[in-house]
Amino acid sequence: MSGVTTFETMGTVVSLRGATPEAASEVRAVFAGYDHRYSLYDPSSVLSRVADGSVRLADTPSEVRDVYALALDWRERTGGAFTPHRPDGVIDLSGVVKALAIRDAGAVL
């Protein structure tokens, strides 16, 4: 075990305490994978391409559509307090994606 590992991802900072270097590397990879697929700041991400209109949501990988469906479910369950749509209509899955990345990182640890 080691001390504290921190890294920036998804517009925030992740801190791991007591993770081995190998586990920390795996956790970093989990977050990087989600960030690569769903970042609205990376023009090559699937979600950025949906936002710019070069890819239709219906043509994205099933995983992306499943995360969108989960976000819609969260919107329903919260009575609209949570929404996967920004005021400009762009799909923003960052809330759901961060939760999924934390879940998957926890499975690594």
PDB file of N, CA and C in Angstrom:
ATOM      1  N   MET A   1       0.839  -1.174   0.000  1.00  0.00           N
ATOM      2  CA  MET A   1       0.000   0.000   0.000  1.00  0.00           C
ATOM      3  C   MET A   1       0.887   1.241   0.000  1.00  0.00           C
ATOM      4  N   SER A   2       0.309   2.318  -0.522  1.00  0.00           N
ATOM      5  CA  SER A   2       1.054   3.566  -0.559  1.00  0.00           C
ATOM      6  C   SER A   2       0.239   4.660   0.094  1.00  0.00           C
ATOM      7  N   GLY A   3       0.692   5.896  -0.061  1.00  0.00           N
ATOM      8  CA  GLY A   3       0.032   7.048   0.535  1.00  0.00           C
ATOM      9  C   GLY A   3      -1.169   7.492  -0.272  1.00  0.00           C
ATOM     10  N   VAL A   4      -1.134   8.739  -0.685  1.00  0.00           N
ATOM     11  CA  VAL A   4      -2.246   9.340  -1.411  1.00  0.00           C
ATOM     12  C   VAL A   4      -1.843   9.563  -2.862  1.00  0.00           C
ATOM     13  N   THR A   5      -2.700   9.160  -3.761  1.00  0.00           N
ATOM     14  CA  THR A   5      -2.518   9.409  -5.182  1.00  0.00           C
ATOM     15  C   THR A   5      -3.631  10.336  -5.617  1.00  0.00           C
ATOM     16  N   THR A   6      -3.287  11.420  -6.305  1.00  0.00           N
ATOM     17  CA  THR A   6      -4.306  12.328  -6.822  1.00  0.00           C
ATOM     18  C   THR A   6      -4.076  12.545  -8.308  1.00  0.00           C
ATOM     19  N   PHE A   7      -5.162  12.771  -9.024  1.00  0.00           N
ATOM     20  CA  PHE A   7      -5.066  13.126 -10.437  1.00  0.00           C
ATOM     21  C   PHE A   7      -6.314  13.889 -10.846  1.00  0.00           C
ATOM     22  N   GLU A   8      -6.150  14.739 -11.846  1.00  0.00           N
ATOM     23  CA  GLU A   8      -7.263  15.518 -12.371  1.00  0.00           C
ATOM     24  C   GLU A   8      -7.944  14.739 -13.493  1.00  0.00           C
ATOM     25  N   THR A   9      -9.257  14.775 -13.463  1.00  0.00           N
ATOM     26  CA  THR A   9     -10.048  14.113 -14.497  1.00  0.00           C
ATOM     27  C   THR A   9     -11.469  14.649 -14.445  1.00  0.00           C
ATOM     28  N   MET A  10     -12.111  14.700 -15.560  1.00  0.00           N
ATOM     29  CA  MET A  10     -13.523  15.067 -15.648  1.00  0.00           C
ATOM     30  C   MET A  10     -13.837  16.388 -14.949  1.00  0.00           C
ATOM     31  N   GLY A  11     -12.916  17.314 -14.965  1.00  0.00           N
ATOM     32  CA  GLY A  11     -13.140  18.611 -14.351  1.00  0.00           C
ATOM     33  C   GLY A  11     -13.074  18.613 -12.842  1.00  0.00           C
ATOM     34  N   THR A  12     -12.502  17.572 -12.265  1.00  0.00           N
ATOM     35  CA  THR A  12     -12.388  17.486 -10.810  1.00  0.00           C
ATOM     36  C   THR A  12     -11.076  16.794 -10.458  1.00  0.00           C
ATOM     37  N   VAL A  13     -10.864  16.541  -9.187  1.00  0.00           N
ATOM     38  CA  VAL A  13      -9.653  15.859  -8.725  1.00  0.00           C
ATOM     39  C   VAL A  13     -10.072  14.592  -7.993  1.00  0.00           C
ATOM     40  N   VAL A  14      -9.421  13.500  -8.325  1.00  0.00           N
ATOM     41  CA  VAL A  14      -9.651  12.225  -7.648  1.00  0.00           C
ATOM     42  C   VAL A  14      -8.498  12.004  -6.687  1.00  0.00           C
ATOM     43  N   SER A  15      -8.816  11.624  -5.464  1.00  0.00           N
ATOM     44  CA  SER A  15      -7.806  11.292  -4.460  1.00  0.00           C
ATOM     45  C   SER A  15      -8.020   9.863  -3.999  1.00  0.00           C
ATOM     46  N   LEU A  16      -6.966   9.079  -4.051  1.00  0.00           N
ATOM     47  CA  LEU A  16      -7.008   7.696  -3.587  1.00  0.00           C
ATOM     48  C   LEU A  16      -6.077   7.560  -2.401  1.00  0.00           C
ATOM     49  N   ARG A  17      -6.548   6.969  -1.366  1.00  0.00           N
ATOM     50  CA  ARG A  17      -5.714   6.737  -0.182  1.00  0.00           C
ATOM     51  C   ARG A  17      -5.457   5.248  -0.040  1.00  0.00           C
ATOM     52  N   GLY A  18      -4.195   4.912   0.123  1.00  0.00           N
ATOM     53  CA  GLY A  18      -3.825   3.542   0.411  1.00  0.00           C
ATOM     54  C   GLY A  18      -3.853   2.595  -0.777  1.00  0.00           C
ATOM     55  N   ALA A  19      -4.041   3.090  -1.969  1.00  0.00           N
ATOM     56  CA  ALA A  19      -4.067   2.217  -3.153  1.00  0.00           C
ATOM     57  C   ALA A  19      -2.646   1.892  -3.587  1.00  0.00           C
ATOM     58  N   THR A  20      -2.447   0.689  -4.031  1.00  0.00           N
ATOM     59  CA  THR A  20      -1.145   0.326  -4.591  1.00  0.00           C
ATOM     60  C   THR A  20      -0.947   1.121  -5.884  1.00  0.00           C
ATOM     61  N   PRO A  21       0.284   1.273  -6.330  1.00  0.00           N
ATOM     62  CA  PRO A  21       0.501   1.966  -7.604  1.00  0.00           C
ATOM     63  C   PRO A  21      -0.245   1.299  -8.766  1.00  0.00           C
ATOM     64  N   GLU A  22      -0.318  -0.012  -8.751  1.00  0.00           N
ATOM     65  CA  GLU A  22      -1.026  -0.729  -9.804  1.00  0.00           C
ATOM     66  C   GLU A  22      -2.526  -0.427  -9.770  1.00  0.00           C
ATOM     67  N   ALA A  23      -3.109  -0.461  -8.580  1.00  0.00           N
ATOM     68  CA  ALA A  23      -4.536  -0.169  -8.445  1.00  0.00           C
ATOM     69  C   ALA A  23      -4.818   1.283  -8.822  1.00  0.00           C
ATOM     70  N   ALA A  24      -3.947   2.187  -8.408  1.00  0.00           N
ATOM     71  CA  ALA A  24      -4.124   3.598  -8.757  1.00  0.00           C
ATOM     72  C   ALA A  24      -4.092   3.782 -10.271  1.00  0.00           C
ATOM     73  N   SER A  25      -3.213   3.065 -10.935  1.00  0.00           N
ATOM     74  CA  SER A  25      -3.119   3.134 -12.390  1.00  0.00           C
ATOM     75  C   SER A  25      -4.406   2.609 -13.036  1.00  0.00           C
ATOM     76  N   GLU A  26      -4.958   1.537 -12.509  1.00  0.00           N
ATOM     77  CA  GLU A  26      -6.207   0.983 -13.036  1.00  0.00           C
ATOM     78  C   GLU A  26      -7.372   1.948 -12.815  1.00  0.00           C
ATOM     79  N   VAL A  27      -7.412   2.579 -11.649  1.00  0.00           N
ATOM     80  CA  VAL A  27      -8.466   3.547 -11.363  1.00  0.00           C
ATOM     81  C   VAL A  27      -8.357   4.735 -12.321  1.00  0.00           C
ATOM     82  N   ARG A  28      -7.136   5.205 -12.523  1.00  0.00           N
ATOM     83  CA  ARG A  28      -6.918   6.315 -13.457  1.00  0.00           C
ATOM     84  C   ARG A  28      -7.421   5.923 -14.860  1.00  0.00           C
ATOM     85  N   ALA A  29      -7.179   4.691 -15.264  1.00  0.00           N
ATOM     86  CA  ALA A  29      -7.625   4.211 -16.578  1.00  0.00           C
ATOM     87  C   ALA A  29      -9.151   4.169 -16.659  1.00  0.00           C
ATOM     88  N   VAL A  30      -9.805   3.797 -15.571  1.00  0.00           N
ATOM     89  CA  VAL A  30     -11.274   3.787 -15.545  1.00  0.00           C
ATOM     90  C   VAL A  30     -11.802   5.193 -15.824  1.00  0.00           C
ATOM     91  N   PHE A  31     -11.281   6.167 -15.090  1.00  0.00           N
ATOM     92  CA  PHE A  31     -11.734   7.542 -15.285  1.00  0.00           C
ATOM     93  C   PHE A  31     -11.385   8.047 -16.680  1.00  0.00           C
ATOM     94  N   ALA A  32     -10.199   7.724 -17.170  1.00  0.00           N
ATOM     95  CA  ALA A  32      -9.776   8.177 -18.500  1.00  0.00           C
ATOM     96  C   ALA A  32     -10.695   7.614 -19.579  1.00  0.00           C
ATOM     97  N   GLY A  33     -11.116   6.372 -19.422  1.00  0.00           N
ATOM     98  CA  GLY A  33     -12.013   5.771 -20.402  1.00  0.00           C
ATOM     99  C   GLY A  33     -13.347   6.490 -20.470  1.00  0.00           C
ATOM    100  N   TYR A  34     -13.931   6.774 -19.314  1.00  0.00           N
ATOM    101  CA  TYR A  34     -15.193   7.515 -19.294  1.00  0.00           C
ATOM    102  C   TYR A  34     -14.996   8.920 -19.846  1.00  0.00           C
ATOM    103  N   ASP A  35     -13.913   9.570 -19.451  1.00  0.00           N
ATOM    104  CA  ASP A  35     -13.656  10.926 -19.913  1.00  0.00           C
ATOM    105  C   ASP A  35     -13.484  10.954 -21.429  1.00  0.00           C
ATOM    106  N   HIS A  36     -12.804   9.967 -21.970  1.00  0.00           N
ATOM    107  CA  HIS A  36     -12.575   9.908 -23.415  1.00  0.00           C
ATOM    108  C   HIS A  36     -13.888   9.761 -24.189  1.00  0.00           C
ATOM    109  N   ARG A  37     -14.814   8.999 -23.648  1.00  0.00           N
ATOM    110  CA  ARG A  37     -16.083   8.770 -24.337  1.00  0.00           C
ATOM    111  C   ARG A  37     -17.078   9.917 -24.165  1.00  0.00           C
ATOM    112  N   TYR A  38     -17.098  10.546 -22.990  1.00  0.00           N
ATOM    113  CA  TYR A  38     -18.207  11.433 -22.655  1.00  0.00           C
ATOM    114  C   TYR A  38     -17.849  12.908 -22.468  1.00  0.00           C
ATOM    115  N   SER A  39     -16.603  13.273 -22.568  1.00  0.00           N
ATOM    116  CA  SER A  39     -16.206  14.668 -22.351  1.00  0.00           C
ATOM    117  C   SER A  39     -16.785  15.578 -23.431  1.00  0.00           C
ATOM    118  N   LEU A  40     -17.338  16.692 -22.994  1.00  0.00           N
ATOM    119  CA  LEU A  40     -17.774  17.704 -23.944  1.00  0.00           C
ATOM    120  C   LEU A  40     -16.634  18.663 -24.279  1.00  0.00           C
ATOM    121  N   TYR A  41     -15.482  18.483 -23.635  1.00  0.00           N
ATOM    122  CA  TYR A  41     -14.313  19.334 -23.878  1.00  0.00           C
ATOM    123  C   TYR A  41     -13.319  18.688 -24.837  1.00  0.00           C
ATOM    124  N   ASP A  42     -13.503  17.414 -25.116  1.00  0.00           N
ATOM    125  CA  ASP A  42     -12.639  16.685 -26.050  1.00  0.00           C
ATOM    126  C   ASP A  42     -13.419  16.538 -27.359  1.00  0.00           C
ATOM    127  N   PRO A  43     -13.010  17.266 -28.403  1.00  0.00           N
ATOM    128  CA  PRO A  43     -13.787  17.223 -29.642  1.00  0.00           C
ATOM    129  C   PRO A  43     -13.859  15.844 -30.290  1.00  0.00           C
ATOM    130  N   SER A  44     -12.995  14.923 -29.889  1.00  0.00           N
ATOM    131  CA  SER A  44     -13.036  13.584 -30.469  1.00  0.00           C
ATOM    132  C   SER A  44     -13.934  12.627 -29.697  1.00  0.00           C
ATOM    133  N   SER A  45     -14.465  13.047 -28.544  1.00  0.00           N
ATOM    134  CA  SER A  45     -15.323  12.150 -27.768  1.00  0.00           C
ATOM    135  C   SER A  45     -16.648  11.935 -28.489  1.00  0.00           C
ATOM    136  N   VAL A  46     -17.253  10.818 -28.214  1.00  0.00           N
ATOM    137  CA  VAL A  46     -18.551  10.494 -28.823  1.00  0.00           C
ATOM    138  C   VAL A  46     -19.573  11.573 -28.487  1.00  0.00           C
ATOM    139  N   LEU A  47     -19.607  11.987 -27.233  1.00  0.00           N
ATOM    140  CA  LEU A  47     -20.609  12.965 -26.826  1.00  0.00           C
ATOM    141  C   LEU A  47     -20.361  14.337 -27.462  1.00  0.00           C
ATOM    142  N   SER A  48     -19.113  14.715 -27.649  1.00  0.00           N
ATOM    143  CA  SER A  48     -18.822  15.978 -28.348  1.00  0.00           C
ATOM    144  C   SER A  48     -19.290  15.918 -29.787  1.00  0.00           C
ATOM    145  N   ARG A  49     -19.131  14.762 -30.394  1.00  0.00           N
ATOM    146  CA  ARG A  49     -19.572  14.617 -31.781  1.00  0.00           C
ATOM    147  C   ARG A  49     -21.096  14.623 -31.883  1.00  0.00           C
ATOM    148  N   VAL A  50     -21.781  14.132 -30.854  1.00  0.00           N
ATOM    149  CA  VAL A  50     -23.239  14.257 -30.820  1.00  0.00           C
ATOM    150  C   VAL A  50     -23.599  15.735 -30.667  1.00  0.00           C
ATOM    151  N   ALA A  51     -22.908  16.415 -29.775  1.00  0.00           N
ATOM    152  CA  ALA A  51     -23.190  17.830 -29.519  1.00  0.00           C
ATOM    153  C   ALA A  51     -22.971  18.698 -30.751  1.00  0.00           C
ATOM    154  N   ASP A  52     -21.949  18.383 -31.545  1.00  0.00           N
ATOM    155  CA  ASP A  52     -21.686  19.212 -32.732  1.00  0.00           C
ATOM    156  C   ASP A  52     -22.483  18.760 -33.959  1.00  0.00           C
ATOM    157  N   GLY A  53     -23.269  17.702 -33.797  1.00  0.00           N
ATOM    158  CA  GLY A  53     -24.140  17.253 -34.873  1.00  0.00           C
ATOM    159  C   GLY A  53     -23.498  16.326 -35.892  1.00  0.00           C
ATOM    160  N   SER A  54     -22.239  15.953 -35.671  1.00  0.00           N
ATOM    161  CA  SER A  54     -21.587  15.073 -36.651  1.00  0.00           C
ATOM    162  C   SER A  54     -21.962  13.602 -36.454  1.00  0.00           C
ATOM    163  N   VAL A  55     -22.547  13.276 -35.306  1.00  0.00           N
ATOM    164  CA  VAL A  55     -23.031  11.913 -35.028  1.00  0.00           C
ATOM    165  C   VAL A  55     -24.404  12.044 -34.368  1.00  0.00           C
ATOM    166  N   ARG A  56     -25.328  11.235 -34.814  1.00  0.00           N
ATOM    167  CA  ARG A  56     -26.644  11.196 -34.162  1.00  0.00           C
ATOM    168  C   ARG A  56     -26.566  10.295 -32.941  1.00  0.00           C
ATOM    169  N   LEU A  57     -27.292  10.639 -31.895  1.00  0.00           N
ATOM    170  CA  LEU A  57     -27.313   9.804 -30.692  1.00  0.00           C
ATOM    171  C   LEU A  57     -27.685   8.374 -31.045  1.00  0.00           C
ATOM    172  N   ALA A  58     -28.613   8.187 -31.956  1.00  0.00           N
ATOM    173  CA  ALA A  58     -29.052   6.843 -32.367  1.00  0.00           C
ATOM    174  C   ALA A  58     -27.927   6.033 -32.995  1.00  0.00           C
ATOM    175  N   ASP A  59     -26.889   6.714 -33.487  1.00  0.00           N
ATOM    176  CA  ASP A  59     -25.768   6.034 -34.138  1.00  0.00           C
ATOM    177  C   ASP A  59     -24.573   5.826 -33.222  1.00  0.00           C
ATOM    178  N   THR A  60     -24.704   6.181 -31.954  1.00  0.00           N
ATOM    179  CA  THR A  60     -23.608   5.987 -31.005  1.00  0.00           C
ATOM    180  C   THR A  60     -23.593   4.539 -30.514  1.00  0.00           C
ATOM    181  N   PRO A  61     -22.484   4.119 -29.914  1.00  0.00           N
ATOM    182  CA  PRO A  61     -22.447   2.765 -29.348  1.00  0.00           C
ATOM    183  C   PRO A  61     -23.561   2.563 -28.311  1.00  0.00           C
ATOM    184  N   SER A  62     -24.013   1.346 -28.176  1.00  0.00           N
ATOM    185  CA  SER A  62     -25.108   1.050 -27.241  1.00  0.00           C
ATOM    186  C   SER A  62     -24.781   1.493 -25.823  1.00  0.00           C
ATOM    187  N   GLU A  63     -23.516   1.430 -25.445  1.00  0.00           N
ATOM    188  CA  GLU A  63     -23.114   1.872 -24.098  1.00  0.00           C
ATOM    189  C   GLU A  63     -23.483   3.338 -23.873  1.00  0.00           C
ATOM    190  N   VAL A  64     -23.271   4.173 -24.866  1.00  0.00           N
ATOM    191  CA  VAL A  64     -23.588   5.599 -24.748  1.00  0.00           C
ATOM    192  C   VAL A  64     -25.101   5.779 -24.631  1.00  0.00           C
ATOM    193  N   ARG A  65     -25.845   5.075 -25.437  1.00  0.00           N
ATOM    194  CA  ARG A  65     -27.305   5.164 -25.369  1.00  0.00           C
ATOM    195  C   ARG A  65     -27.827   4.643 -24.040  1.00  0.00           C
ATOM    196  N   ASP A  66     -27.178   3.607 -23.500  1.00  0.00           N
ATOM    197  CA  ASP A  66     -27.580   3.083 -22.190  1.00  0.00           C
ATOM    198  C   ASP A  66     -27.337   4.100 -21.082  1.00  0.00           C
ATOM    199  N   VAL A  67     -26.215   4.808 -21.149  1.00  0.00           N
ATOM    200  CA  VAL A  67     -25.929   5.846 -20.139  1.00  0.00           C
ATOM    201  C   VAL A  67     -26.933   6.986 -20.278  1.00  0.00           C
ATOM    202  N   TYR A  68     -27.265   7.332 -21.498  1.00  0.00           N
ATOM    203  CA  TYR A  68     -28.287   8.369 -21.713  1.00  0.00           C
ATOM    204  C   TYR A  68     -29.634   7.918 -21.131  1.00  0.00           C
ATOM    205  N   ALA A  69     -30.007   6.664 -21.356  1.00  0.00           N
ATOM    206  CA  ALA A  69     -31.256   6.132 -20.802  1.00  0.00           C
ATOM    207  C   ALA A  69     -31.234   6.166 -19.272  1.00  0.00           C
ATOM    208  N   LEU A  70     -30.083   5.853 -18.688  1.00  0.00           N
ATOM    209  CA  LEU A  70     -29.949   5.931 -17.231  1.00  0.00           C
ATOM    210  C   LEU A  70     -30.158   7.367 -16.765  1.00  0.00           C
ATOM    211  N   ALA A  71     -29.572   8.324 -17.478  1.00  0.00           N
ATOM    212  CA  ALA A  71     -29.735   9.735 -17.123  1.00  0.00           C
ATOM    213  C   ALA A  71     -31.196  10.161 -17.230  1.00  0.00           C
ATOM    214  N   LEU A  72     -31.887   9.674 -18.246  1.00  0.00           N
ATOM    215  CA  LEU A  72     -33.314   9.979 -18.364  1.00  0.00           C
ATOM    216  C   LEU A  72     -34.102   9.374 -17.202  1.00  0.00           C
ATOM    217  N   ASP A  73     -33.698   8.189 -16.781  1.00  0.00           N
ATOM    218  CA  ASP A  73     -34.332   7.560 -15.617  1.00  0.00           C
ATOM    219  C   ASP A  73     -34.099   8.409 -14.368  1.00  0.00           C
ATOM    220  N   TRP A  74     -32.888   8.910 -14.202  1.00  0.00           N
ATOM    221  CA  TRP A  74     -32.594   9.789 -13.055  1.00  0.00           C
ATOM    222  C   TRP A  74     -33.464  11.049 -13.118  1.00  0.00           C
ATOM    223  N   ARG A  75     -33.650  11.598 -14.325  1.00  0.00           N
ATOM    224  CA  ARG A  75     -34.503  12.774 -14.470  1.00  0.00           C
ATOM    225  C   ARG A  75     -35.921  12.453 -14.008  1.00  0.00           C
ATOM    226  N   GLU A  76     -36.421  11.307 -14.429  1.00  0.00           N
ATOM    227  CA  GLU A  76     -37.771  10.889 -14.031  1.00  0.00           C
ATOM    228  C   GLU A  76     -37.868  10.706 -12.518  1.00  0.00           C
ATOM    229  N   ARG A  77     -36.896  10.013 -11.943  1.00  0.00           N
ATOM    230  CA  ARG A  77     -36.919   9.719 -10.504  1.00  0.00           C
ATOM    231  C   ARG A  77     -36.784  10.965  -9.639  1.00  0.00           C
ATOM    232  N   THR A  78     -36.130  11.999 -10.176  1.00  0.00           N
ATOM    233  CA  THR A  78     -35.931  13.232  -9.406  1.00  0.00           C
ATOM    234  C   THR A  78     -36.954  14.306  -9.751  1.00  0.00           C
ATOM    235  N   GLY A  79     -37.956  13.933 -10.524  1.00  0.00           N
ATOM    236  CA  GLY A  79     -38.971  14.898 -10.898  1.00  0.00           C
ATOM    237  C   GLY A  79     -38.408  16.062 -11.708  1.00  0.00           C
ATOM    238  N   GLY A  80     -37.337  15.786 -12.442  1.00  0.00           N
ATOM    239  CA  GLY A  80     -36.736  16.811 -13.287  1.00  0.00           C
ATOM    240  C   GLY A  80     -35.639  17.628 -12.624  1.00  0.00           C
ATOM    241  N   ALA A  81     -35.369  17.365 -11.345  1.00  0.00           N
ATOM    242  CA  ALA A  81     -34.301  18.113 -10.659  1.00  0.00           C
ATOM    243  C   ALA A  81     -32.938  17.809 -11.279  1.00  0.00           C
ATOM    244  N   PHE A  82     -32.768  16.578 -11.719  1.00  0.00           N
ATOM    245  CA  PHE A  82     -31.566  16.183 -12.447  1.00  0.00           C
ATOM    246  C   PHE A  82     -31.967  16.065 -13.908  1.00  0.00           C
ATOM    247  N   THR A  83     -31.145  16.605 -14.787  1.00  0.00           N
ATOM    248  CA  THR A  83     -31.430  16.458 -16.213  1.00  0.00           C
ATOM    249  C   THR A  83     -30.142  16.259 -16.994  1.00  0.00           C
ATOM    250  N   PRO A  84     -30.180  15.421 -18.019  1.00  0.00           N
ATOM    251  CA  PRO A  84     -28.986  15.229 -18.837  1.00  0.00           C
ATOM    252  C   PRO A  84     -28.874  16.252 -19.964  1.00  0.00           C
ATOM    253  N   HIS A  85     -29.695  17.299 -19.923  1.00  0.00           N
ATOM    254  CA  HIS A  85     -29.669  18.297 -20.985  1.00  0.00           C
ATOM    255  C   HIS A  85     -29.313  19.667 -20.416  1.00  0.00           C
ATOM    256  N   ARG A  86     -28.349  20.289 -21.044  1.00  0.00           N
ATOM    257  CA  ARG A  86     -28.016  21.661 -20.664  1.00  0.00           C
ATOM    258  C   ARG A  86     -29.116  22.590 -21.170  1.00  0.00           C
ATOM    259  N   PRO A  87     -29.144  23.819 -20.673  1.00  0.00           N
ATOM    260  CA  PRO A  87     -30.172  24.762 -21.157  1.00  0.00           C
ATOM    261  C   PRO A  87     -30.150  24.963 -22.678  1.00  0.00           C
ATOM    262  N   ASP A  88     -28.983  24.790 -23.302  1.00  0.00           N
ATOM    263  CA  ASP A  88     -28.900  24.941 -24.757  1.00  0.00           C
ATOM    264  C   ASP A  88     -29.294  23.668 -25.502  1.00  0.00           C
ATOM    265  N   GLY A  89     -29.726  22.631 -24.768  1.00  0.00           N
ATOM    266  CA  GLY A  89     -30.184  21.385 -25.373  1.00  0.00           C
ATOM    267  C   GLY A  89     -29.113  20.331 -25.560  1.00  0.00           C
ATOM    268  N   VAL A  90     -27.858  20.678 -25.329  1.00  0.00           N
ATOM    269  CA  VAL A  90     -26.768  19.715 -25.478  1.00  0.00           C
ATOM    270  C   VAL A  90     -26.881  18.638 -24.404  1.00  0.00           C
ATOM    271  N   ILE A  91     -26.676  17.397 -24.810  1.00  0.00           N
ATOM    272  CA  ILE A  91     -26.681  16.283 -23.855  1.00  0.00           C
ATOM    273  C   ILE A  91     -25.394  16.332 -23.055  1.00  0.00           C
ATOM    274  N   ASP A  92     -25.529  16.385 -21.739  1.00  0.00           N
ATOM    275  CA  ASP A  92     -24.387  16.438 -20.830  1.00  0.00           C
ATOM    276  C   ASP A  92     -24.578  15.328 -19.795  1.00  0.00           C
ATOM    277  N   LEU A  93     -23.805  14.266 -19.946  1.00  0.00           N
ATOM    278  CA  LEU A  93     -23.943  13.095 -19.068  1.00  0.00           C
ATOM    279  C   LEU A  93     -22.925  13.087 -17.936  1.00  0.00           C
ATOM    280  N   SER A  94     -22.303  14.223 -17.658  1.00  0.00           N
ATOM    281  CA  SER A  94     -21.201  14.236 -16.701  1.00  0.00           C
ATOM    282  C   SER A  94     -21.597  13.754 -15.308  1.00  0.00           C
ATOM    283  N   GLY A  95     -22.795  14.084 -14.843  1.00  0.00           N
ATOM    284  CA  GLY A  95     -23.212  13.627 -13.517  1.00  0.00           C
ATOM    285  C   GLY A  95     -23.316  12.114 -13.438  1.00  0.00           C
ATOM    286  N   VAL A  96     -23.956  11.520 -14.415  1.00  0.00           N
ATOM    287  CA  VAL A  96     -24.105  10.067 -14.460  1.00  0.00           C
ATOM    288  C   VAL A  96     -22.747   9.397 -14.657  1.00  0.00           C
ATOM    289  N   VAL A  97     -21.958   9.954 -15.560  1.00  0.00           N
ATOM    290  CA  VAL A  97     -20.670   9.343 -15.895  1.00  0.00           C
ATOM    291  C   VAL A  97     -19.718   9.360 -14.699  1.00  0.00           C
ATOM    292  N   LYS A  98     -19.713  10.433 -13.943  1.00  0.00           N
ATOM    293  CA  LYS A  98     -18.856  10.472 -12.746  1.00  0.00           C
ATOM    294  C   LYS A  98     -19.290   9.396 -11.751  1.00  0.00           C
ATOM    295  N   ALA A  99     -20.586   9.234 -11.582  1.00  0.00           N
ATOM    296  CA  ALA A  99     -21.080   8.191 -10.674  1.00  0.00           C
ATOM    297  C   ALA A  99     -20.681   6.803 -11.160  1.00  0.00           C
ATOM    298  N   LEU A 100     -20.794   6.567 -12.460  1.00  0.00           N
ATOM    299  CA  LEU A 100     -20.407   5.260 -13.001  1.00  0.00           C
ATOM    300  C   LEU A 100     -18.902   5.032 -12.881  1.00  0.00           C
ATOM    301  N   ALA A 101     -18.111   6.064 -13.105  1.00  0.00           N
ATOM    302  CA  ALA A 101     -16.660   5.926 -12.973  1.00  0.00           C
ATOM    303  C   ALA A 101     -16.284   5.609 -11.527  1.00  0.00           C
ATOM    304  N   ILE A 102     -16.948   6.251 -10.576  1.00  0.00           N
ATOM    305  CA  ILE A 102     -16.679   5.967  -9.162  1.00  0.00           C
ATOM    306  C   ILE A 102     -17.056   4.515  -8.848  1.00  0.00           C
ATOM    307  N   ARG A 103     -18.193   4.077  -9.349  1.00  0.00           N
ATOM    308  CA  ARG A 103     -18.621   2.691  -9.139  1.00  0.00           C
ATOM    309  C   ARG A 103     -17.575   1.719  -9.684  1.00  0.00           C
ATOM    310  N   ASP A 104     -17.144   1.944 -10.921  1.00  0.00           N
ATOM    311  CA  ASP A 104     -16.196   1.034 -11.558  1.00  0.00           C
ATOM    312  C   ASP A 104     -14.818   1.113 -10.905  1.00  0.00           C
ATOM    313  N   ALA A 105     -14.429   2.307 -10.482  1.00  0.00           N
ATOM    314  CA  ALA A 105     -13.142   2.442  -9.759  1.00  0.00           C
ATOM    315  C   ALA A 105     -13.214   1.698  -8.434  1.00  0.00           C
ATOM    316  N   GLY A 106     -14.357   1.760  -7.774  1.00  0.00           N
ATOM    317  CA  GLY A 106     -14.519   1.016  -6.530  1.00  0.00           C
ATOM    318  C   GLY A 106     -14.392  -0.477  -6.729  1.00  0.00           C
ATOM    319  N   ALA A 107     -14.866  -0.962  -7.865  1.00  0.00           N
ATOM    320  CA  ALA A 107     -14.742  -2.392  -8.162  1.00  0.00           C
ATOM    321  C   ALA A 107     -13.281  -2.779  -8.349  1.00  0.00           C
ATOM    322  N   VAL A 108     -12.474  -1.856  -8.885  1.00  0.00           N
ATOM    323  CA  VAL A 108     -11.033  -2.109  -9.044  1.00  0.00           C
ATOM    324  C   VAL A 108     -10.369  -2.235  -7.674  1.00  0.00           C
ATOM    325  N   LEU A 109     -10.773  -1.361  -6.772  1.00  0.00           N
ATOM    326  CA  LEU A 109     -10.160  -1.342  -5.441  1.00  0.00           C
ATOM    327  C   LEU A 109     -10.689  -2.466  -4.581  1.00  0.00           C
TER     328      LEU A 109
END
